[in-house]
N, C-alpha and C. Protein backbone atom coordinates (compact mmCIF):
# COMPACT_ATOMS: atom_id res chain seq x y z
N MET A 1 87.75 82.30 141.01
CA MET A 1 87.89 81.47 139.82
C MET A 1 88.43 80.09 140.24
N SER A 2 87.87 79.03 139.69
CA SER A 2 88.28 77.68 140.05
C SER A 2 89.67 77.39 139.51
N ASP A 3 90.29 76.36 140.15
CA ASP A 3 91.63 75.97 139.69
C ASP A 3 91.62 75.55 138.23
N LEU A 4 90.51 74.91 137.82
CA LEU A 4 90.40 74.45 136.43
C LEU A 4 90.40 75.63 135.47
N ARG A 5 89.62 76.67 135.83
CA ARG A 5 89.56 77.85 134.97
C ARG A 5 90.93 78.54 134.89
N ILE A 6 91.62 78.63 136.03
CA ILE A 6 92.94 79.26 136.05
C ILE A 6 93.91 78.48 135.17
N THR A 7 93.86 77.15 135.29
CA THR A 7 94.73 76.31 134.47
C THR A 7 94.44 76.50 132.99
N GLU A 8 93.15 76.56 132.62
CA GLU A 8 92.77 76.77 131.22
C GLU A 8 93.27 78.12 130.72
N ALA A 9 93.19 79.14 131.57
CA ALA A 9 93.63 80.47 131.18
C ALA A 9 95.13 80.48 130.90
N PHE A 10 95.90 79.84 131.80
CA PHE A 10 97.34 79.78 131.59
C PHE A 10 97.70 78.98 130.34
N LEU A 11 96.99 77.88 130.10
CA LEU A 11 97.25 77.07 128.92
C LEU A 11 96.98 77.87 127.66
N TYR A 12 95.90 78.67 127.67
CA TYR A 12 95.56 79.47 126.50
C TYR A 12 96.63 80.55 126.26
N MET A 13 97.13 81.16 127.36
CA MET A 13 98.18 82.15 127.22
C MET A 13 99.45 81.53 126.67
N ASP A 14 99.76 80.31 127.16
CA ASP A 14 100.93 79.60 126.63
C ASP A 14 100.78 79.33 125.14
N TYR A 15 99.55 78.96 124.74
CA TYR A 15 99.28 78.67 123.33
C TYR A 15 99.50 79.93 122.48
N LEU A 16 99.01 81.08 122.98
CA LEU A 16 99.17 82.32 122.23
C LEU A 16 100.64 82.70 122.10
N CYS A 17 101.40 82.51 123.18
CA CYS A 17 102.84 82.79 123.14
C CYS A 17 103.54 81.87 122.13
N PHE A 18 103.14 80.61 122.14
CA PHE A 18 103.73 79.64 121.21
C PHE A 18 103.45 80.04 119.77
N ARG A 19 102.19 80.44 119.51
CA ARG A 19 101.82 80.87 118.16
C ARG A 19 102.64 82.09 117.74
N ALA A 20 102.79 83.04 118.66
CA ALA A 20 103.49 84.27 118.34
C ALA A 20 104.97 84.03 118.05
N LEU A 21 105.58 83.12 118.82
CA LEU A 21 107.02 82.89 118.69
C LEU A 21 107.38 81.89 117.61
N CYS A 22 106.57 80.86 117.46
CA CYS A 22 106.98 79.74 116.61
C CYS A 22 106.18 79.58 115.32
N CYS A 23 105.07 80.21 115.23
CA CYS A 23 104.18 79.95 114.08
C CYS A 23 103.93 81.21 113.27
N LYS A 24 104.87 82.15 113.31
CA LYS A 24 104.67 83.39 112.58
C LYS A 24 104.71 83.16 111.08
N GLY A 25 105.51 82.18 110.65
CA GLY A 25 105.63 81.92 109.22
C GLY A 25 106.51 82.97 108.57
N PRO A 26 106.76 82.82 107.29
CA PRO A 26 107.62 83.78 106.58
C PRO A 26 106.94 85.13 106.48
N PRO A 27 107.70 86.21 106.44
CA PRO A 27 107.08 87.53 106.28
C PRO A 27 106.38 87.61 104.93
N PRO A 28 105.34 88.43 104.83
CA PRO A 28 104.62 88.54 103.55
C PRO A 28 105.56 89.03 102.45
N ALA A 29 105.39 88.48 101.27
CA ALA A 29 106.24 88.85 100.14
C ALA A 29 105.97 90.31 99.75
N ARG A 30 107.05 90.99 99.36
CA ARG A 30 106.87 92.36 98.88
C ARG A 30 106.20 92.34 97.51
N PRO A 31 105.29 93.27 97.26
CA PRO A 31 104.69 93.31 95.93
C PRO A 31 105.74 93.68 94.89
N GLU A 32 105.56 93.16 93.68
CA GLU A 32 106.46 93.48 92.58
C GLU A 32 105.69 94.23 91.50
N TYR A 33 106.34 95.24 90.93
CA TYR A 33 105.72 96.04 89.87
C TYR A 33 106.66 96.07 88.66
N ASP A 34 106.07 95.95 87.48
CA ASP A 34 106.83 95.99 86.24
C ASP A 34 106.77 97.40 85.66
N LEU A 35 107.92 98.02 85.53
CA LEU A 35 107.99 99.40 85.06
C LEU A 35 108.82 99.48 83.79
N VAL A 36 108.56 100.51 82.99
CA VAL A 36 109.39 100.79 81.84
C VAL A 36 110.09 102.12 82.09
N CYS A 37 111.38 102.17 81.77
CA CYS A 37 112.18 103.38 81.99
C CYS A 37 112.67 103.89 80.65
N ILE A 38 112.31 105.13 80.30
CA ILE A 38 112.66 105.70 79.01
C ILE A 38 113.30 107.08 79.20
N GLY A 39 113.96 107.54 78.16
CA GLY A 39 114.65 108.82 78.18
C GLY A 39 115.75 108.79 77.13
N LEU A 40 116.20 109.96 76.72
CA LEU A 40 117.22 110.03 75.67
C LEU A 40 118.56 109.48 76.16
N THR A 41 119.39 109.07 75.23
CA THR A 41 120.76 108.68 75.56
C THR A 41 121.47 109.83 76.27
N GLY A 42 122.14 109.52 77.36
CA GLY A 42 122.84 110.55 78.11
C GLY A 42 122.03 111.18 79.22
N SER A 43 120.77 110.79 79.34
CA SER A 43 119.93 111.37 80.41
C SER A 43 120.31 110.81 81.78
N GLY A 44 120.97 109.64 81.80
CA GLY A 44 121.43 109.09 83.07
C GLY A 44 120.61 107.94 83.60
N LYS A 45 119.80 107.33 82.75
CA LYS A 45 118.93 106.24 83.21
C LYS A 45 119.73 105.10 83.82
N THR A 46 120.74 104.62 83.07
CA THR A 46 121.51 103.46 83.51
C THR A 46 122.26 103.74 84.81
N SER A 47 122.84 104.91 84.92
CA SER A 47 123.60 105.26 86.13
C SER A 47 122.70 105.32 87.35
N LEU A 48 121.53 105.93 87.21
CA LEU A 48 120.60 106.03 88.34
C LEU A 48 120.14 104.66 88.81
N LEU A 49 119.77 103.80 87.85
CA LEU A 49 119.29 102.47 88.22
C LEU A 49 120.42 101.63 88.83
N SER A 50 121.63 101.76 88.30
CA SER A 50 122.76 101.03 88.86
C SER A 50 123.02 101.45 90.31
N LYS A 51 122.95 102.75 90.56
CA LYS A 51 123.18 103.25 91.91
C LYS A 51 122.10 102.76 92.87
N LEU A 52 120.86 102.72 92.41
CA LEU A 52 119.77 102.22 93.25
C LEU A 52 119.93 100.74 93.58
N CYS A 53 120.61 100.01 92.69
CA CYS A 53 120.87 98.59 92.92
C CYS A 53 122.19 98.36 93.65
N SER A 54 122.77 99.45 94.17
CA SER A 54 124.06 99.39 94.90
C SER A 54 125.19 98.88 94.01
N GLU A 55 125.08 99.14 92.72
CA GLU A 55 126.15 98.81 91.78
C GLU A 55 126.97 100.06 91.50
N SER A 56 128.17 99.89 91.03
CA SER A 56 129.00 101.03 90.69
C SER A 56 128.42 101.76 89.48
N ALA A 57 128.35 103.08 89.59
CA ALA A 57 127.85 103.88 88.47
C ALA A 57 128.98 104.39 87.60
N GLU A 58 130.21 103.97 87.91
CA GLU A 58 131.36 104.38 87.12
C GLU A 58 131.49 103.50 85.86
N ASN A 59 131.97 104.12 84.81
CA ASN A 59 132.19 103.41 83.53
C ASN A 59 130.93 102.72 83.01
N VAL A 60 129.79 103.34 83.29
CA VAL A 60 128.52 102.80 82.80
C VAL A 60 128.41 103.01 81.30
N VAL A 61 127.99 101.99 80.59
CA VAL A 61 127.80 102.08 79.14
C VAL A 61 126.31 102.26 78.86
N SER A 62 125.99 103.19 77.97
CA SER A 62 124.59 103.44 77.64
C SER A 62 123.93 102.18 77.09
N THR A 63 122.69 101.97 77.49
CA THR A 63 121.93 100.82 77.02
C THR A 63 121.62 100.99 75.53
N THR A 64 121.95 99.96 74.74
CA THR A 64 121.72 100.05 73.30
C THR A 64 120.41 99.39 72.88
N GLY A 65 119.96 98.41 73.60
CA GLY A 65 118.67 97.77 73.31
C GLY A 65 117.76 97.96 74.50
N PHE A 66 117.73 96.97 75.39
CA PHE A 66 117.03 97.14 76.65
C PHE A 66 117.70 96.25 77.69
N SER A 67 117.51 96.61 78.94
CA SER A 67 118.01 95.80 80.05
C SER A 67 116.96 95.81 81.15
N ILE A 68 117.01 94.80 82.01
CA ILE A 68 116.04 94.69 83.10
C ILE A 68 116.78 94.60 84.42
N LYS A 69 116.37 95.42 85.37
CA LYS A 69 116.95 95.39 86.71
C LYS A 69 115.83 95.24 87.73
N ALA A 70 116.07 94.41 88.74
CA ALA A 70 115.16 94.31 89.88
C ALA A 70 115.67 95.27 90.95
N VAL A 71 114.95 96.36 91.16
CA VAL A 71 115.38 97.39 92.10
C VAL A 71 114.63 97.19 93.42
N PRO A 72 115.34 96.80 94.49
CA PRO A 72 114.65 96.47 95.75
C PRO A 72 114.41 97.71 96.62
N PHE A 73 113.22 97.79 97.17
CA PHE A 73 112.89 98.78 98.18
C PHE A 73 112.28 98.04 99.37
N GLN A 74 112.15 98.74 100.48
CA GLN A 74 111.68 98.08 101.69
C GLN A 74 110.27 97.50 101.53
N ASN A 75 109.41 98.20 100.78
CA ASN A 75 108.01 97.78 100.68
C ASN A 75 107.62 97.30 99.29
N ALA A 76 108.58 97.17 98.37
CA ALA A 76 108.24 96.70 97.01
C ALA A 76 109.51 96.40 96.24
N ILE A 77 109.36 95.61 95.20
CA ILE A 77 110.45 95.36 94.25
C ILE A 77 110.00 95.87 92.89
N LEU A 78 110.82 96.71 92.29
CA LEU A 78 110.49 97.27 90.99
C LEU A 78 111.32 96.58 89.92
N ASN A 79 110.64 95.89 89.02
CA ASN A 79 111.31 95.25 87.89
C ASN A 79 111.31 96.26 86.74
N VAL A 80 112.44 96.91 86.56
CA VAL A 80 112.52 98.05 85.64
C VAL A 80 113.14 97.62 84.32
N LYS A 81 112.37 97.80 83.26
CA LYS A 81 112.85 97.53 81.91
C LYS A 81 113.32 98.86 81.33
N GLU A 82 114.65 99.00 81.21
CA GLU A 82 115.22 100.25 80.70
C GLU A 82 115.43 100.12 79.20
N LEU A 83 114.92 101.09 78.45
CA LEU A 83 115.04 101.09 76.99
C LEU A 83 116.09 102.09 76.55
N GLY A 84 116.90 101.70 75.59
CA GLY A 84 117.92 102.61 75.07
C GLY A 84 117.29 103.86 74.46
N GLY A 85 118.02 104.97 74.52
CA GLY A 85 117.44 106.25 74.09
C GLY A 85 118.00 106.82 72.81
N ALA A 86 118.74 106.01 72.05
CA ALA A 86 119.30 106.51 70.78
C ALA A 86 118.21 106.73 69.74
N ASP A 87 118.52 107.56 68.75
CA ASP A 87 117.54 107.89 67.71
C ASP A 87 116.95 106.65 67.06
N ASN A 88 117.79 105.68 66.75
CA ASN A 88 117.33 104.51 65.99
C ASN A 88 116.62 103.48 66.87
N ILE A 89 116.57 103.73 68.18
CA ILE A 89 115.90 102.80 69.09
C ILE A 89 114.56 103.35 69.57
N ARG A 90 114.47 104.67 69.69
CA ARG A 90 113.26 105.28 70.27
C ARG A 90 112.00 104.92 69.49
N LYS A 91 112.11 104.74 68.19
CA LYS A 91 110.93 104.42 67.39
C LYS A 91 110.36 103.05 67.72
N TYR A 92 111.16 102.22 68.44
CA TYR A 92 110.69 100.89 68.82
C TYR A 92 110.24 100.82 70.29
N TRP A 93 110.31 101.93 70.99
CA TRP A 93 109.94 101.92 72.41
C TRP A 93 108.59 101.26 72.66
N SER A 94 107.61 101.62 71.86
CA SER A 94 106.23 101.18 72.12
C SER A 94 106.08 99.66 72.08
N ARG A 95 107.01 98.96 71.43
CA ARG A 95 106.93 97.49 71.38
C ARG A 95 107.17 96.87 72.76
N TYR A 96 107.77 97.65 73.67
CA TYR A 96 108.13 97.13 74.98
C TYR A 96 107.22 97.67 76.10
N TYR A 97 106.15 98.38 75.73
CA TYR A 97 105.28 98.98 76.74
C TYR A 97 104.32 97.96 77.38
N GLN A 98 103.97 96.93 76.65
CA GLN A 98 102.94 96.00 77.12
C GLN A 98 103.33 95.39 78.48
N GLY A 99 102.37 95.34 79.36
CA GLY A 99 102.58 94.76 80.68
C GLY A 99 103.13 95.72 81.72
N SER A 100 103.43 96.95 81.30
CA SER A 100 103.98 97.93 82.25
C SER A 100 102.89 98.40 83.22
N GLN A 101 103.30 98.62 84.46
CA GLN A 101 102.39 99.13 85.49
C GLN A 101 102.72 100.56 85.89
N GLY A 102 103.83 101.06 85.38
CA GLY A 102 104.24 102.43 85.68
C GLY A 102 105.37 102.82 84.75
N VAL A 103 105.68 104.12 84.71
CA VAL A 103 106.67 104.65 83.78
C VAL A 103 107.65 105.55 84.52
N ILE A 104 108.93 105.37 84.22
CA ILE A 104 109.97 106.28 84.70
C ILE A 104 110.53 106.98 83.47
N PHE A 105 110.44 108.30 83.47
CA PHE A 105 111.00 109.08 82.35
C PHE A 105 112.13 109.93 82.91
N VAL A 106 113.34 109.73 82.37
CA VAL A 106 114.51 110.47 82.85
C VAL A 106 114.92 111.47 81.78
N LEU A 107 115.10 112.74 82.19
CA LEU A 107 115.56 113.76 81.26
C LEU A 107 116.79 114.45 81.83
N ASP A 108 117.64 114.91 80.93
CA ASP A 108 118.84 115.64 81.32
C ASP A 108 118.48 117.11 81.44
N SER A 109 118.39 117.61 82.67
CA SER A 109 117.95 118.99 82.88
C SER A 109 119.01 120.01 82.45
N ALA A 110 120.23 119.54 82.15
CA ALA A 110 121.30 120.44 81.70
C ALA A 110 121.61 120.26 80.22
N SER A 111 120.72 119.61 79.49
CA SER A 111 120.99 119.32 78.07
C SER A 111 120.81 120.56 77.19
N SER A 112 121.16 120.41 75.93
CA SER A 112 120.98 121.49 74.96
C SER A 112 119.49 121.72 74.71
N GLU A 113 119.18 122.85 74.10
CA GLU A 113 117.78 123.16 73.78
C GLU A 113 117.20 122.12 72.82
N ASP A 114 118.00 121.69 71.85
CA ASP A 114 117.52 120.70 70.88
C ASP A 114 117.17 119.38 71.56
N ASP A 115 118.06 118.92 72.45
CA ASP A 115 117.80 117.65 73.15
C ASP A 115 116.61 117.79 74.10
N LEU A 116 116.49 118.94 74.71
CA LEU A 116 115.36 119.14 75.62
C LEU A 116 114.05 119.13 74.85
N GLU A 117 114.06 119.69 73.65
CA GLU A 117 112.86 119.67 72.81
C GLU A 117 112.51 118.24 72.40
N THR A 118 113.54 117.45 72.07
CA THR A 118 113.31 116.05 71.71
C THR A 118 112.75 115.28 72.90
N ALA A 119 113.31 115.50 74.08
CA ALA A 119 112.82 114.84 75.28
C ALA A 119 111.37 115.23 75.56
N ARG A 120 111.06 116.49 75.34
CA ARG A 120 109.69 116.97 75.54
C ARG A 120 108.72 116.23 74.62
N ASN A 121 109.09 116.09 73.36
CA ASN A 121 108.23 115.40 72.40
C ASN A 121 108.04 113.93 72.78
N GLU A 122 109.13 113.29 73.22
CA GLU A 122 109.04 111.88 73.60
C GLU A 122 108.17 111.70 74.85
N LEU A 123 108.29 112.61 75.81
CA LEU A 123 107.45 112.51 77.01
C LEU A 123 105.98 112.72 76.65
N HIS A 124 105.71 113.68 75.79
CA HIS A 124 104.32 113.91 75.37
C HIS A 124 103.75 112.67 74.69
N SER A 125 104.55 112.02 73.85
CA SER A 125 104.09 110.81 73.17
C SER A 125 103.79 109.70 74.18
N ALA A 126 104.66 109.57 75.18
CA ALA A 126 104.47 108.52 76.19
C ALA A 126 103.22 108.79 77.02
N LEU A 127 103.02 110.04 77.42
CA LEU A 127 101.87 110.39 78.26
C LEU A 127 100.54 110.14 77.54
N GLN A 128 100.58 110.18 76.20
CA GLN A 128 99.35 110.00 75.42
C GLN A 128 99.24 108.61 74.79
N HIS A 129 100.24 107.76 75.01
CA HIS A 129 100.20 106.43 74.39
C HIS A 129 99.12 105.58 75.05
N PRO A 130 98.32 104.84 74.27
CA PRO A 130 97.21 104.07 74.84
C PRO A 130 97.62 103.10 75.94
N GLN A 131 98.84 102.53 75.85
CA GLN A 131 99.28 101.55 76.85
C GLN A 131 99.89 102.18 78.10
N LEU A 132 100.13 103.49 78.04
CA LEU A 132 100.78 104.16 79.17
C LEU A 132 99.94 105.27 79.80
N CYS A 133 98.97 105.78 79.07
CA CYS A 133 98.31 107.02 79.48
C CYS A 133 97.59 106.93 80.82
N THR A 134 97.23 105.73 81.27
CA THR A 134 96.53 105.60 82.56
C THR A 134 97.49 105.20 83.69
N LEU A 135 98.78 105.08 83.38
CA LEU A 135 99.74 104.58 84.37
C LEU A 135 100.38 105.74 85.15
N PRO A 136 100.86 105.45 86.36
CA PRO A 136 101.63 106.47 87.11
C PRO A 136 102.96 106.76 86.42
N PHE A 137 103.35 108.02 86.41
CA PHE A 137 104.61 108.46 85.81
C PHE A 137 105.50 109.08 86.87
N LEU A 138 106.77 108.67 86.89
CA LEU A 138 107.79 109.37 87.66
C LEU A 138 108.72 110.04 86.65
N ILE A 139 108.74 111.36 86.65
CA ILE A 139 109.58 112.12 85.72
C ILE A 139 110.74 112.70 86.52
N LEU A 140 111.95 112.30 86.16
CA LEU A 140 113.15 112.69 86.90
C LEU A 140 113.94 113.72 86.10
N ALA A 141 114.08 114.92 86.65
CA ALA A 141 114.91 115.97 86.04
C ALA A 141 116.33 115.75 86.56
N ASN A 142 117.10 114.95 85.83
CA ASN A 142 118.40 114.50 86.29
C ASN A 142 119.49 115.56 86.04
N HIS A 143 120.67 115.29 86.62
CA HIS A 143 121.86 116.13 86.48
C HIS A 143 121.66 117.52 87.11
N GLN A 144 120.95 117.54 88.23
CA GLN A 144 120.75 118.80 88.92
C GLN A 144 122.05 119.35 89.52
N ASP A 145 123.08 118.51 89.57
CA ASP A 145 124.36 118.95 90.11
C ASP A 145 125.19 119.73 89.09
N LYS A 146 124.72 119.82 87.85
CA LYS A 146 125.46 120.55 86.82
C LYS A 146 125.07 122.02 86.81
N PRO A 147 126.02 122.90 86.50
CA PRO A 147 125.73 124.35 86.53
C PRO A 147 124.59 124.76 85.60
N ALA A 148 124.46 124.09 84.45
CA ALA A 148 123.45 124.49 83.47
C ALA A 148 122.08 123.86 83.72
N ALA A 149 121.93 123.14 84.84
CA ALA A 149 120.67 122.44 85.11
C ALA A 149 119.50 123.41 85.24
N ARG A 150 118.40 123.04 84.64
CA ARG A 150 117.16 123.82 84.77
C ARG A 150 116.41 123.35 86.00
N SER A 151 115.74 124.28 86.65
CA SER A 151 114.99 123.94 87.86
C SER A 151 113.75 123.12 87.51
N VAL A 152 113.17 122.51 88.52
CA VAL A 152 111.94 121.73 88.31
C VAL A 152 110.84 122.61 87.75
N GLN A 153 110.73 123.84 88.26
CA GLN A 153 109.69 124.74 87.76
C GLN A 153 109.91 125.08 86.29
N GLU A 154 111.17 125.28 85.90
CA GLU A 154 111.46 125.56 84.49
C GLU A 154 111.11 124.36 83.62
N VAL A 155 111.44 123.16 84.10
CA VAL A 155 111.12 121.94 83.35
C VAL A 155 109.61 121.77 83.23
N LYS A 156 108.90 121.98 84.32
CA LYS A 156 107.44 121.81 84.31
C LYS A 156 106.80 122.76 83.30
N LYS A 157 107.29 124.00 83.28
CA LYS A 157 106.72 124.99 82.35
C LYS A 157 107.08 124.65 80.90
N TYR A 158 108.36 124.31 80.66
CA TYR A 158 108.80 124.02 79.29
C TYR A 158 108.10 122.78 78.74
N PHE A 159 107.93 121.77 79.58
CA PHE A 159 107.30 120.52 79.12
C PHE A 159 105.77 120.59 79.14
N GLU A 160 105.23 121.72 79.59
CA GLU A 160 103.77 121.92 79.63
C GLU A 160 103.07 120.77 80.35
N LEU A 161 103.60 120.42 81.51
CA LEU A 161 103.07 119.25 82.20
C LEU A 161 101.71 119.50 82.83
N GLU A 162 101.48 120.69 83.33
CA GLU A 162 100.20 120.94 83.99
C GLU A 162 99.01 120.72 83.06
N PRO A 163 99.01 121.34 81.87
CA PRO A 163 97.85 121.09 80.99
C PRO A 163 97.84 119.70 80.38
N LEU A 164 99.03 119.18 80.02
CA LEU A 164 99.09 117.91 79.31
C LEU A 164 98.75 116.73 80.21
N ALA A 165 99.26 116.76 81.44
CA ALA A 165 99.10 115.61 82.33
C ALA A 165 97.99 115.80 83.35
N ARG A 166 97.14 116.76 83.15
CA ARG A 166 96.04 116.99 84.09
C ARG A 166 95.16 115.74 84.17
N GLY A 167 94.88 115.32 85.39
CA GLY A 167 94.04 114.14 85.58
C GLY A 167 94.84 112.85 85.61
N LYS A 168 96.13 112.92 85.30
CA LYS A 168 96.98 111.72 85.33
C LYS A 168 97.75 111.69 86.66
N ARG A 169 98.29 110.52 86.97
CA ARG A 169 99.13 110.39 88.16
C ARG A 169 100.59 110.58 87.74
N TRP A 170 101.19 111.69 88.14
CA TRP A 170 102.57 111.93 87.76
C TRP A 170 103.29 112.70 88.86
N ILE A 171 104.60 112.45 88.91
CA ILE A 171 105.47 113.12 89.87
C ILE A 171 106.66 113.64 89.09
N LEU A 172 107.02 114.91 89.30
CA LEU A 172 108.22 115.49 88.71
C LEU A 172 109.18 115.81 89.84
N GLN A 173 110.38 115.21 89.80
CA GLN A 173 111.34 115.39 90.87
C GLN A 173 112.73 115.70 90.33
N PRO A 174 113.48 116.59 91.01
CA PRO A 174 114.88 116.80 90.64
C PRO A 174 115.71 115.65 91.17
N CYS A 175 116.82 115.34 90.51
CA CYS A 175 117.68 114.27 91.02
C CYS A 175 119.09 114.39 90.47
N SER A 176 119.99 113.68 91.13
CA SER A 176 121.38 113.55 90.67
C SER A 176 121.98 112.36 91.41
N LEU A 177 123.09 111.88 90.91
CA LEU A 177 123.76 110.75 91.57
C LEU A 177 124.31 111.14 92.94
N ASP A 178 124.47 112.44 93.18
CA ASP A 178 125.02 112.91 94.44
C ASP A 178 124.01 112.92 95.58
N ASP A 179 122.74 112.76 95.27
CA ASP A 179 121.71 112.83 96.31
C ASP A 179 120.81 111.60 96.22
N MET A 180 121.29 110.48 96.72
CA MET A 180 120.55 109.23 96.62
C MET A 180 119.32 109.21 97.52
N GLU A 181 119.35 109.95 98.62
CA GLU A 181 118.18 109.98 99.50
C GLU A 181 117.00 110.60 98.78
N ALA A 182 117.25 111.69 98.06
CA ALA A 182 116.17 112.33 97.30
C ALA A 182 115.67 111.41 96.19
N LEU A 183 116.59 110.68 95.56
CA LEU A 183 116.18 109.76 94.49
C LEU A 183 115.31 108.63 95.06
N LYS A 184 115.72 108.07 96.19
CA LYS A 184 114.94 107.01 96.81
C LYS A 184 113.57 107.52 97.24
N ASP A 185 113.52 108.76 97.71
CA ASP A 185 112.24 109.35 98.10
C ASP A 185 111.32 109.48 96.89
N SER A 186 111.89 109.84 95.73
CA SER A 186 111.09 109.95 94.51
C SER A 186 110.48 108.60 94.14
N PHE A 187 111.26 107.53 94.27
CA PHE A 187 110.75 106.20 93.96
C PHE A 187 109.72 105.75 95.00
N SER A 188 109.88 106.17 96.24
CA SER A 188 108.88 105.85 97.26
C SER A 188 107.54 106.48 96.92
N GLN A 189 107.58 107.71 96.40
CA GLN A 189 106.34 108.36 95.96
C GLN A 189 105.70 107.60 94.81
N LEU A 190 106.53 107.11 93.89
CA LEU A 190 106.01 106.31 92.77
C LEU A 190 105.37 105.03 93.28
N ILE A 191 106.01 104.37 94.24
CA ILE A 191 105.44 103.14 94.81
C ILE A 191 104.09 103.42 95.45
N ASN A 192 103.95 104.57 96.10
CA ASN A 192 102.65 104.94 96.68
C ASN A 192 101.58 105.05 95.60
N LEU A 193 101.93 105.63 94.46
CA LEU A 193 100.97 105.73 93.35
C LEU A 193 100.62 104.35 92.80
N LEU A 194 101.61 103.47 92.73
CA LEU A 194 101.36 102.11 92.23
C LEU A 194 100.44 101.36 93.20
N GLU A 195 100.65 101.54 94.49
CA GLU A 195 99.80 100.88 95.49
C GLU A 195 98.37 101.42 95.42
N GLU A 196 98.23 102.73 95.23
CA GLU A 196 96.89 103.32 95.10
C GLU A 196 96.16 102.74 93.90
N LYS A 197 96.88 102.57 92.79
CA LYS A 197 96.25 102.02 91.59
C LYS A 197 95.84 100.58 91.83
N ASP A 198 96.67 99.81 92.59
CA ASP A 198 96.33 98.43 92.95
C ASP A 198 95.04 98.38 93.76
N HIS A 199 94.93 99.26 94.74
CA HIS A 199 93.74 99.28 95.60
C HIS A 199 92.49 99.64 94.80
N GLU A 200 92.64 100.56 93.86
CA GLU A 200 91.50 100.93 93.01
C GLU A 200 91.04 99.74 92.17
N ALA A 201 92.01 98.99 91.65
CA ALA A 201 91.66 97.80 90.84
C ALA A 201 90.93 96.78 91.66
N VAL A 202 91.32 96.60 92.93
CA VAL A 202 90.65 95.64 93.81
C VAL A 202 89.21 96.09 94.08
N ARG A 203 89.02 97.39 94.32
CA ARG A 203 87.67 97.89 94.60
C ARG A 203 86.76 97.72 93.41
N MET A 204 87.33 97.83 92.20
CA MET A 204 86.52 97.67 90.99
C MET A 204 86.10 96.21 90.82
């Protein structure tokens, strides 16, 4: 190889090194998804979201209207709109569904039979709502650390999720404030569903 060719080769290698070290630019922005979080008062929505945001979950006050939190993950940012779960607020939930890309439904797995029945009815309504029915759902059976907590299998059977949600994208996971790794894993699964839906939209 001639001296000229060798010099050109070294110059090109230097150029590639320069590009790699100095011209990488900012890392790609994480995708952001707008989610709605619903569930009865006392289900633990606010505490779970606060803990995911590295905020103190002590002395948490139940949301009376709605609040928005940006929950950061390594591969995405979830902008979660949490809606209050009191009787007089639930009838207005649907006004806040527009623009949602996914749904988080939190239920108290250790609640009374009456509250569990109410939660079941609210989840059924959400799964069938025109603005939510095609979206990914993360259903969290919270308070698994309590003695009266029902198992995931019991919740799945009681809520009739298999027949009702057939063909939909949904995840049912146990959770509690004591096991943040499991909670983060549940949200990672939801992010995977959101990314899949994004890819499908691009292909269409």
